[in-house]
Protein backbone atom coordinates (compact mmCIF):
# COMPACT_ATOMS: atom_id res chain seq x y z
CA MET A 1 -48.19 -169.55 -37.16
CA THR A 2 -44.53 -170.36 -36.54
CA PRO A 3 -42.58 -168.95 -33.57
CA GLN A 4 -40.31 -167.13 -36.01
CA SER A 5 -43.26 -164.99 -37.16
CA ILE A 6 -44.27 -163.83 -33.67
CA ASP A 7 -43.55 -160.15 -33.11
CA TYR A 8 -42.52 -160.14 -29.44
CA ASP A 9 -41.56 -156.49 -29.59
CA ALA A 10 -45.19 -155.64 -30.35
CA LEU A 11 -46.54 -157.88 -27.57
CA VAL A 12 -44.46 -156.56 -24.65
CA SER A 13 -43.78 -152.90 -23.92
CA GLU A 14 -42.40 -151.13 -20.88
CA ASP A 15 -45.71 -150.79 -19.05
CA ARG A 16 -48.03 -153.45 -20.53
CA VAL A 17 -48.20 -156.86 -22.17
CA HIS A 18 -50.66 -158.34 -24.62
CA GLY A 19 -52.93 -161.13 -23.34
CA ARG A 20 -51.80 -163.35 -26.19
CA VAL A 21 -48.55 -164.10 -24.34
CA TYR A 22 -50.57 -166.18 -21.85
CA LEU A 23 -52.89 -167.92 -24.33
CA ASP A 24 -51.04 -168.64 -27.58
CA PRO A 25 -49.82 -172.28 -27.87
CA ASP A 26 -47.16 -171.20 -30.37
CA ILE A 27 -45.73 -168.77 -27.83
CA PHE A 28 -45.77 -171.50 -25.19
CA GLU A 29 -43.84 -173.85 -27.49
CA ASP A 30 -41.34 -171.09 -28.16
CA GLU A 31 -40.95 -170.53 -24.39
CA ILE A 32 -40.18 -174.20 -23.86
CA ALA A 33 -37.57 -174.10 -26.62
CA ARG A 34 -35.92 -170.78 -25.77
CA ILE A 35 -36.27 -170.55 -21.99
CA PHE A 36 -36.57 -174.07 -20.61
CA HIS A 37 -34.61 -176.08 -23.19
CA ARG A 38 -31.86 -173.54 -23.81
CA GLY A 39 -31.30 -171.60 -20.60
CA TRP A 40 -30.51 -172.52 -17.01
CA VAL A 41 -33.41 -174.16 -15.14
CA TYR A 42 -33.55 -175.04 -11.45
CA VAL A 43 -33.78 -178.81 -11.01
CA GLY A 44 -33.40 -179.56 -7.30
CA HIS A 45 -31.28 -179.27 -4.19
CA SER A 46 -28.37 -181.55 -3.37
CA GLY A 47 -29.76 -181.81 0.17
CA GLU A 48 -32.64 -183.86 -1.24
CA ILE A 49 -30.21 -186.65 -2.13
CA PRO A 50 -27.73 -186.78 0.78
CA GLU A 51 -26.72 -190.46 0.47
CA ALA A 52 -25.13 -192.41 -2.37
CA GLY A 53 -27.86 -193.85 -4.57
CA ASP A 54 -30.49 -191.26 -3.53
CA TYR A 55 -32.41 -189.89 -6.50
CA ARG A 56 -35.33 -187.66 -7.43
CA LEU A 57 -37.22 -187.55 -10.73
CA ARG A 58 -37.45 -184.07 -12.21
CA LYS A 59 -38.18 -182.30 -15.48
CA ILE A 60 -36.23 -179.69 -17.39
CA GLY A 61 -38.92 -178.17 -19.54
CA ARG A 62 -40.44 -181.31 -21.00
CA ALA A 63 -37.33 -183.45 -20.69
CA PRO A 64 -37.59 -186.12 -17.95
CA ALA A 65 -34.44 -186.22 -15.82
CA ILE A 66 -32.99 -188.04 -12.83
CA MET A 67 -31.12 -186.06 -10.19
CA VAL A 68 -29.00 -188.69 -8.48
CA ARG A 69 -26.03 -189.01 -6.15
CA ASP A 70 -23.90 -191.80 -7.59
CA ASP A 71 -21.90 -194.38 -5.64
CA ARG A 72 -18.89 -192.05 -5.54
CA GLY A 73 -21.00 -189.32 -3.94
CA ASP A 74 -21.17 -187.07 -7.01
CA VAL A 75 -24.46 -185.36 -7.95
CA ARG A 76 -25.48 -186.07 -11.53
CA LEU A 77 -28.28 -185.03 -13.85
CA LEU A 78 -29.18 -187.86 -16.21
CA LEU A 79 -31.87 -187.83 -18.87
CA ASN A 80 -34.50 -190.42 -17.99
CA ARG A 81 -34.45 -192.09 -21.38
CA CYS A 82 -33.12 -195.51 -22.34
CA ARG A 83 -30.50 -195.36 -25.07
CA HIS A 84 -32.15 -198.30 -26.84
CA ARG A 85 -35.74 -197.28 -27.61
CA ALA A 86 -36.26 -194.16 -25.46
CA ALA A 87 -38.44 -195.61 -22.67
CA THR A 88 -37.96 -193.97 -19.28
CA VAL A 89 -35.79 -196.13 -17.04
CA CYS A 90 -37.18 -194.93 -13.71
CA GLN A 91 -40.83 -194.40 -12.77
CA ILE A 92 -40.78 -193.95 -9.00
CA GLU A 93 -40.62 -190.31 -7.93
CA GLN A 94 -37.85 -190.74 -5.37
CA GLY A 95 -35.80 -193.46 -3.75
CA ASN A 96 -32.38 -195.04 -3.54
CA ALA A 97 -30.98 -197.22 -6.30
CA LYS A 98 -27.69 -198.63 -7.51
CA PHE A 99 -29.18 -199.36 -10.92
CA PHE A 100 -31.93 -198.14 -13.24
CA ARG A 101 -33.46 -200.86 -15.41
CA CYS A 102 -35.55 -200.22 -18.49
CA ALA A 103 -38.65 -202.41 -18.27
CA TYR A 104 -39.11 -202.49 -22.05
CA HIS A 105 -36.06 -204.57 -23.09
CA GLY A 106 -34.11 -204.86 -19.86
CA TRP A 107 -31.16 -202.58 -20.49
CA THR A 108 -29.65 -201.72 -17.10
CA TYR A 109 -27.68 -198.65 -16.07
CA ARG A 110 -25.55 -197.85 -13.00
CA ASN A 111 -26.52 -194.81 -10.95
CA ASN A 112 -23.70 -192.86 -12.60
CA GLY A 113 -25.38 -193.46 -15.97
CA GLU A 114 -23.03 -196.16 -17.30
CA LEU A 115 -24.67 -198.96 -19.26
CA SER A 116 -24.16 -202.03 -17.09
CA ALA A 117 -25.99 -204.85 -18.87
CA VAL A 118 -27.81 -205.56 -22.13
CA THR A 119 -30.15 -208.53 -22.41
CA TYR A 120 -29.16 -211.13 -25.03
CA GLN A 121 -26.18 -209.04 -26.02
CA ASP A 122 -24.92 -211.65 -28.50
CA GLY A 123 -27.77 -210.58 -30.81
CA TYR A 124 -25.75 -207.49 -31.71
CA GLY A 125 -22.97 -209.53 -33.29
CA GLY A 126 -20.24 -207.93 -31.22
CA THR A 127 -20.95 -204.41 -32.56
CA LEU A 128 -22.54 -202.96 -29.43
CA ARG A 129 -20.24 -200.59 -27.53
CA LYS A 130 -21.68 -200.29 -24.03
CA GLU A 131 -19.25 -197.56 -23.06
CA GLU A 132 -20.90 -195.30 -25.65
CA LEU A 133 -24.50 -196.02 -24.67
CA GLY A 134 -24.83 -194.86 -21.10
CA LEU A 135 -27.69 -192.63 -20.01
CA THR A 136 -27.20 -189.18 -21.51
CA ASN A 137 -25.98 -186.53 -19.11
CA VAL A 138 -27.84 -183.23 -19.10
CA PRO A 139 -25.42 -181.22 -21.30
CA ARG A 140 -24.63 -178.69 -18.59
CA MET A 141 -25.06 -178.87 -14.84
CA GLY A 142 -24.09 -176.28 -12.24
CA THR A 143 -24.60 -175.82 -8.52
CA TYR A 144 -24.65 -172.88 -6.15
CA ARG A 145 -24.97 -173.34 -2.40
CA GLY A 146 -26.56 -176.75 -2.99
CA PHE A 147 -29.04 -175.50 -5.60
CA VAL A 148 -28.70 -177.66 -8.73
CA PHE A 149 -29.36 -176.16 -12.16
CA GLY A 150 -29.33 -177.80 -15.55
CA SER A 151 -29.27 -176.65 -19.16
CA LEU A 152 -30.14 -178.77 -22.17
CA ALA A 153 -27.98 -176.53 -24.37
CA PRO A 154 -24.35 -177.62 -24.74
CA ASP A 155 -23.11 -174.02 -24.59
CA GLY A 156 -24.25 -170.64 -23.39
CA ILE A 157 -23.65 -168.29 -20.48
CA SER A 158 -22.26 -169.78 -17.29
CA LEU A 159 -24.47 -170.42 -14.27
CA ASP A 160 -22.51 -167.76 -12.41
CA GLU A 161 -23.39 -165.20 -15.11
CA HIS A 162 -27.00 -166.31 -15.13
CA LEU A 163 -27.45 -165.99 -11.36
CA GLY A 164 -25.67 -162.66 -11.10
CA ALA A 165 -26.97 -160.54 -8.22
CA ALA A 166 -29.41 -163.28 -7.16
CA LYS A 167 -26.51 -165.12 -5.52
CA ASP A 168 -26.46 -162.65 -2.62
CA GLN A 169 -30.11 -163.38 -1.92
CA ILE A 170 -29.57 -167.14 -2.09
CA ASP A 171 -26.78 -166.64 0.44
CA LEU A 172 -29.19 -164.87 2.82
CA PHE A 173 -31.63 -167.78 2.47
CA VAL A 174 -29.01 -170.45 3.19
CA ASP A 175 -26.97 -168.57 5.79
CA LEU A 176 -29.87 -168.47 8.24
CA SER A 177 -28.32 -171.80 9.19
CA PRO A 178 -25.38 -171.45 11.59
CA GLU A 179 -23.80 -174.25 9.58
CA GLY A 180 -24.53 -172.61 6.23
CA GLU A 181 -26.53 -175.62 5.02
CA LEU A 182 -30.16 -176.53 4.44
CA ASP A 183 -31.97 -179.79 5.13
CA VAL A 184 -34.41 -180.29 2.25
CA ARG A 185 -35.98 -183.57 3.33
CA ALA A 186 -39.15 -182.28 5.03
CA GLY A 187 -41.38 -183.31 2.13
CA VAL A 188 -43.26 -181.40 -0.53
CA ASN A 189 -46.60 -179.66 -1.01
CA LYS A 190 -47.95 -179.89 -4.54
CA TYR A 191 -50.65 -177.99 -6.31
CA SER A 192 -51.71 -177.27 -9.85
CA TYR A 193 -53.88 -174.60 -11.38
CA THR A 194 -55.71 -173.78 -14.57
CA GLY A 195 -53.60 -171.02 -16.01
CA ASN A 196 -50.32 -169.98 -17.58
CA TRP A 197 -47.04 -170.56 -15.72
CA LYS A 198 -46.12 -166.87 -15.80
CA LEU A 199 -49.09 -166.04 -13.57
CA GLN A 200 -47.30 -167.82 -10.73
CA ILE A 201 -43.96 -166.08 -11.11
CA GLU A 202 -45.67 -162.68 -11.44
CA ASN A 203 -47.74 -163.33 -8.33
CA ALA A 204 -44.98 -164.72 -6.11
CA ILE A 205 -43.04 -161.45 -6.26
CA ASP A 206 -46.03 -159.11 -6.11
CA GLY A 207 -46.36 -156.81 -3.09
CA TYR A 208 -49.55 -155.18 -4.40
CA HIS A 209 -52.00 -158.07 -3.89
CA PRO A 210 -51.39 -159.56 -0.38
CA ASN A 211 -53.46 -157.07 1.65
CA LEU A 212 -56.37 -157.61 -0.75
CA VAL A 213 -56.25 -161.26 -1.80
CA HIS A 214 -55.14 -162.56 1.60
CA GLN A 215 -57.17 -160.15 3.70
CA SER A 216 -58.86 -162.82 5.84
CA THR A 217 -55.60 -164.58 6.65
CA PHE A 218 -53.85 -161.34 7.53
CA GLU A 219 -56.74 -160.35 9.77
CA ILE A 220 -56.35 -163.58 11.73
CA ILE A 221 -52.62 -162.91 12.09
CA ARG A 222 -53.30 -159.35 13.29
CA LYS A 223 -55.68 -160.60 15.98
CA ARG A 224 -53.34 -163.35 17.16
CA THR A 225 -50.12 -161.37 17.15
CA ARG A 226 -51.45 -157.81 17.52
CA SER A 227 -49.21 -156.93 14.59
CA THR A 228 -50.03 -154.08 12.26
CA MET A 229 -49.11 -156.16 9.16
CA ASP A 230 -48.44 -152.93 7.26
CA VAL A 231 -45.52 -154.08 5.11
CA PHE A 232 -47.76 -154.39 2.01
CA ASN A 233 -49.41 -150.98 2.40
CA GLY A 234 -49.16 -148.31 -0.27
CA ASN A 235 -46.96 -146.22 2.05
CA SER A 236 -44.74 -149.08 3.25
CA ILE A 237 -40.99 -148.51 3.24
CA GLY A 238 -40.56 -152.06 1.99
CA GLU A 239 -39.08 -152.23 -1.51
CA THR A 240 -39.25 -154.13 -4.78
CA ARG A 241 -36.13 -154.87 -6.82
CA ASP A 242 -35.24 -155.91 -10.35
CA LEU A 243 -31.85 -157.62 -10.03
CA GLY A 244 -31.38 -158.25 -13.76
CA ASN A 245 -31.60 -161.44 -15.89
CA GLY A 246 -35.27 -161.78 -14.92
CA HIS A 247 -34.42 -162.22 -11.23
CA VAL A 248 -36.64 -160.03 -9.02
CA MET A 249 -37.50 -159.73 -5.35
CA LEU A 250 -39.55 -158.19 -2.58
CA ASP A 251 -37.05 -156.57 -0.22
CA PHE A 252 -38.13 -156.46 3.44
CA ARG A 253 -34.75 -155.43 4.85
CA ARG A 254 -35.41 -151.70 5.18
CA TYR A 255 -38.82 -152.37 6.73
CA ASN A 256 -37.39 -154.94 9.17
CA ARG A 257 -34.63 -152.58 10.29
CA ALA A 258 -37.06 -149.74 10.91
CA ALA A 259 -39.52 -151.94 12.76
CA ALA A 260 -36.80 -153.85 14.64
CA ARG A 261 -38.67 -157.01 13.78
CA GLY A 262 -35.73 -159.37 13.50
CA PRO A 263 -36.02 -162.62 11.57
CA ARG A 264 -39.39 -162.98 9.85
CA VAL A 265 -38.99 -166.72 9.27
CA LEU A 266 -37.60 -167.65 12.69
CA PRO A 267 -40.45 -167.15 15.15
CA THR A 268 -39.28 -166.39 18.66
CA ILE A 269 -38.76 -169.60 20.58
CA SER A 270 -38.57 -169.14 24.33
CA GLY A 271 -35.00 -169.53 25.51
CA ARG A 272 -33.62 -170.24 22.01
CA GLY A 273 -33.14 -166.75 20.59
CA PRO A 274 -29.87 -165.94 22.40
CA GLU A 275 -28.53 -169.42 21.67
CA TYR A 276 -29.27 -169.03 17.97
CA LYS A 277 -27.78 -165.54 17.77
CA ASP A 278 -24.58 -166.68 19.54
CA ALA A 279 -24.20 -169.51 17.03
CA MET A 280 -24.72 -167.10 14.14
CA VAL A 281 -22.15 -164.62 15.48
CA GLN A 282 -19.65 -167.41 15.99
CA ARG A 283 -20.14 -168.56 12.40
CA TYR A 284 -20.39 -165.25 10.53
CA GLY A 285 -19.22 -162.48 12.84
CA ALA A 286 -21.45 -159.90 14.51
CA ALA A 287 -22.07 -157.62 11.52
CA ARG A 288 -22.90 -160.37 9.01
CA ALA A 289 -25.00 -162.25 11.57
CA GLU A 290 -27.07 -159.12 12.17
CA GLU A 291 -27.49 -158.62 8.41
CA ILE A 292 -28.68 -162.20 7.90
CA ILE A 293 -31.05 -162.20 10.86
CA THR A 294 -32.56 -158.84 9.94
CA ALA A 295 -33.16 -159.97 6.35
CA GLY A 296 -34.82 -163.13 7.67
CA GLY A 297 -34.24 -165.00 4.42
CA THR A 298 -35.39 -163.65 1.07
CA HIS A 299 -38.41 -163.30 -1.22
CA LEU A 300 -36.85 -164.01 -4.60
CA LEU A 301 -37.56 -165.27 -8.11
CA VAL A 302 -34.63 -166.82 -9.94
CA PHE A 303 -35.86 -166.76 -13.53
CA PRO A 304 -37.52 -168.80 -14.85
CA ASN A 305 -38.77 -171.36 -12.31
CA LEU A 306 -37.20 -171.03 -8.82
CA ILE A 307 -38.88 -169.02 -6.06
CA LEU A 308 -37.58 -168.63 -2.51
CA ILE A 309 -40.24 -167.42 -0.07
CA GLY A 310 -40.06 -167.62 3.70
CA VAL A 311 -38.80 -171.14 4.41
CA GLN A 312 -39.69 -172.72 1.08
CA ILE A 313 -38.14 -173.59 -2.24
CA ARG A 314 -40.95 -173.24 -4.79
CA VAL A 315 -40.58 -174.73 -8.27
CA VAL A 316 -42.82 -173.85 -11.22
CA GLN A 317 -43.39 -176.47 -13.93
CA PRO A 318 -45.14 -175.32 -17.13
CA VAL A 319 -47.32 -178.01 -18.74
CA ASN A 320 -49.30 -176.05 -21.34
CA THR A 321 -50.89 -172.63 -21.74
CA GLU A 322 -53.83 -173.73 -19.58
CA TYR A 323 -52.14 -175.82 -16.90
CA THR A 324 -49.22 -175.40 -14.48
CA GLU A 325 -47.81 -177.54 -11.67
CA VAL A 326 -46.13 -176.09 -8.59
CA PHE A 327 -43.96 -177.83 -5.97
CA LEU A 328 -43.22 -176.35 -2.53
CA TYR A 329 -40.30 -177.77 -0.52
CA PRO A 330 -40.11 -176.45 3.07
CA THR A 331 -36.52 -176.25 4.27
CA LEU A 332 -35.00 -176.87 7.68
CA LEU A 333 -31.85 -175.20 9.01
CA LYS A 334 -28.90 -177.27 10.08
CA GLY A 335 -27.41 -176.32 13.42
CA VAL A 336 -30.53 -174.85 15.10
CA ALA A 337 -32.70 -176.11 17.93
CA PRO A 338 -35.45 -178.55 16.86
CA GLU A 339 -38.09 -176.12 18.10
CA MET A 340 -37.03 -173.56 15.50
CA ASN A 341 -37.35 -176.02 12.65
CA ILE A 342 -40.73 -177.18 13.94
CA ALA A 343 -41.86 -173.54 13.97
CA ARG A 344 -40.65 -173.13 10.39
CA LEU A 345 -42.72 -176.12 9.28
CA ARG A 346 -45.84 -175.06 11.19
CA GLY A 347 -45.64 -171.56 9.72
CA HIS A 348 -45.20 -173.00 6.23
CA ASP A 349 -48.17 -175.36 6.64
CA GLY A 350 -50.37 -172.54 7.93
CA PHE A 351 -49.69 -170.38 4.90
CA TYR A 352 -49.03 -172.82 2.07
CA GLY A 353 -50.24 -176.27 3.11
CA PRO A 354 -53.40 -177.92 1.69
CA ALA A 355 -55.50 -176.12 4.32
CA GLY A 356 -53.33 -173.00 4.35
CA GLY A 357 -54.69 -169.51 4.07
CA VAL A 358 -52.60 -168.16 1.17
CA ALA A 359 -52.06 -170.63 -1.68
CA PRO A 360 -55.79 -171.28 -2.33
CA ASP A 361 -56.39 -167.52 -2.62
CA ASP A 362 -53.71 -167.17 -5.30
CA ILE A 363 -54.90 -170.21 -7.24
CA GLU A 364 -58.38 -168.69 -7.42
CA MET A 365 -56.89 -165.46 -8.81
CA PHE A 366 -54.96 -167.39 -11.48
CA ALA A 367 -58.17 -169.06 -12.65
CA ARG A 368 -59.98 -165.71 -12.78
CA VAL A 369 -57.16 -164.09 -14.77
CA GLN A 370 -57.02 -166.98 -17.23
CA ASP A 371 -60.77 -166.72 -17.73
CA GLY A 372 -60.67 -162.94 -18.08
CA LEU A 373 -57.92 -163.14 -20.69
CA ARG A 374 -60.46 -164.55 -23.13
CA ALA A 375 -62.28 -161.21 -23.23
CA GLU A 376 -60.00 -160.01 -26.01
CA VAL A 377 -61.74 -156.79 -27.04
CA ASP A 378 -59.18 -154.89 -24.95
CA PRO A 379 -56.34 -157.41 -24.70
CA TRP A 380 -53.70 -155.45 -22.76
CA LEU A 381 -52.59 -156.03 -19.14
CA LEU A 382 -51.11 -153.03 -17.31
CA PHE A 383 -47.82 -153.20 -15.37
CA SER A 384 -47.27 -149.47 -14.95
CA ARG A 385 -47.62 -149.08 -11.18
CA GLY A 386 -44.65 -147.13 -9.79
CA LEU A 387 -42.98 -146.64 -13.16
CA HIS A 388 -42.76 -142.89 -12.55
CA ARG A 389 -40.91 -143.32 -9.25
CA GLU A 390 -38.61 -146.29 -9.74
CA SER A 391 -34.88 -145.60 -9.48
CA ARG A 392 -31.57 -147.34 -9.96
CA ASP A 393 -29.68 -148.23 -6.79
CA ALA A 394 -25.92 -148.03 -6.35
CA ASP A 395 -25.70 -151.82 -6.82
CA GLY A 396 -27.31 -151.52 -10.27
CA SER A 397 -30.71 -152.93 -9.32
CA ILE A 398 -33.94 -151.09 -10.15
CA VAL A 399 -35.86 -150.22 -6.97
CA GLY A 400 -39.49 -149.32 -6.28
CA GLN A 401 -41.96 -149.22 -3.42
CA MET A 402 -43.38 -152.49 -2.05
CA THR A 403 -46.61 -152.26 -4.05
CA ASP A 404 -44.93 -151.16 -7.29
CA GLU A 405 -44.75 -153.47 -10.30
CA VAL A 406 -40.98 -153.29 -10.64
CA PRO A 407 -40.64 -157.11 -10.40
CA GLN A 408 -43.22 -157.75 -13.10
CA ARG A 409 -41.57 -155.26 -15.44
CA GLY A 410 -38.22 -156.93 -14.73
CA ILE A 411 -39.63 -160.36 -15.57
CA TRP A 412 -41.24 -159.22 -18.79
CA SER A 413 -38.23 -157.20 -19.92
CA HIS A 414 -35.99 -160.23 -19.64
CA TRP A 415 -38.62 -162.58 -21.10
CA LYS A 416 -38.81 -160.36 -24.16
CA LYS A 417 -35.03 -160.32 -24.59
CA VAL A 418 -34.85 -164.11 -24.38
CA MET A 419 -37.75 -164.66 -26.75
CA MET A 420 -36.25 -162.24 -29.28
CA GLY A 421 -32.78 -163.76 -28.94
CA GLU A 422 -31.33 -160.51 -27.60
CA ALA A 423 -30.09 -162.03 -24.33
CA GLU A 424 -27.95 -164.58 -26.18
CA LEU A 425 -26.65 -161.91 -28.53
CA SER A 426 -25.65 -159.56 -25.71
CA HIS A 427 -23.79 -162.32 -23.87
CA HIS A 428 -22.09 -163.35 -27.12
CA ARG A 429 -20.88 -159.79 -27.60
CA ALA A 430 -19.63 -159.72 -24.01
CA ASP A 431 -17.68 -162.93 -24.66
CA LEU A 432 -16.12 -161.40 -27.76
CA ARG A 433 -15.07 -158.35 -25.74
CA LYS A 434 -13.43 -160.61 -23.15
CA VAL A 435 -11.51 -162.45 -25.88
CA ALA A 436 -10.42 -159.16 -27.45
CA ALA A 437 -9.28 -157.83 -24.10
CA ALA A 438 -7.25 -161.02 -23.44
CA ASP A 439 -5.53 -160.67 -26.81
C-alpha cells in the first residue's frame, strides 16, 4: 500500500484514532516524509556548542546532521554526508574540530562546511570545483532563544509561524535565568523503548496518568514533603491547553497561584530565595518576575519532537514503528547560585535518571500499549475525556481540566492536517492573502 492510498480522514476523528496509525510501516514512512523531512524539527541548543569548533551529531528524521559552531562563531547545520560517495564524515557524537575528514577517500571539510582538501586531486583533470562541493547545509535553519530548528525542505512556513503561541512558553522556560540564558552542558540521559514515537509525545503532556502510573513515586514525595500532590486530581484547577500547530501543554499557572507554591523547578535553597528574586526583579521588573517564578518553567510539547518538562529538554527520535529513542538534556540557569543548579540536577536525576521513579514507569506503559495494539478486533483508541467541557480562551488556545485529553486531541488534529497536506495548503492560502493585501 502506498502512502497516497491511506485514508487519514478515516483513521483520525475528533475523539478517537485507529490503532493502525501506530503499527503501519507505510504510515511511519509517510510521517518521516511529511513531518520530519518537510517540516521544522528541533535539532539542538546553541548552548551545547558554546565555543568555536564545538559540534554535536544529530538527526533530522533519518538524515544525519552536524550541529557545529564554526571558526567565526556562527551556528551551522550541515548534513553529515561526504559530497564524494556519501560516507558520513564524522562518527564521534560530540567534540571540537576544525575539520571533518571522510575516512573513505580522505576528502576534508572545514567546520563551516567548505571543502578544504581532496586527495590526489590531479586525478580529476582540473574539472573539480571545490567551492561547489562543500558539505550540504540543511536547507533551512532557524533559532529561537537558543533552540535550533532545521527543515530539510527548501521552502515552507517560517519558524516563527511554526512556533506560534509556543514561543511564550519557551520564554518562561528560558527566563527562569536572571540572565535569560540556559547552560545546556550538564550531559544527557538516554533511553529507548519498544513502541511508536507518538506514544511518548502523547504521554509527556498527559495529566491523566501521573497519579496512577507514578503512584509509588508520588507517595514517597508526599511523605518527604508533606505535600498533597493534588495537581493531577480529577478536580484540580490545573489546566491543559492546545496552542495550535500541534503544540500542547499542561498549564500549572492557575494551580500555582492558588496554592502560592512559587517556582516548581527551583526548590527552596536556604538563604538563596531572596537573592534569586532580587536578581529576577532587576532583570525583568516585578510583575514579569512574579509571572515567571509562579509559572516555574513550562510543560510543553513543540510538535513534533521537542518537549520541555521541569528542567529538561527532551528530544524524541523515531526509528521505526516498533522502536523509539529519547534524549533528556537537563538544563542549568545562568546567573543563579550553584546550589540552585545542583538542586535542579538532583531533582531531574530523581525523576528521570536511570534509577529515577518516573521514566521507567512510562516506558513500561509504552510497551503495554504497543502490545495491546495488536488485539485488532476493536482497533480504536479513545481520546474523548473532557471533550464536552473544553473551551476556547481569549488567547485562542483550547483549554480543559488537568486530566482532560485536550493535548492529545490537539496533537492528533494537527497530525491529521499534516498527513493530509491540509496544513501546507492553509499556509499557502495565507501567503496568497498576504500577497494580495500588499498589492
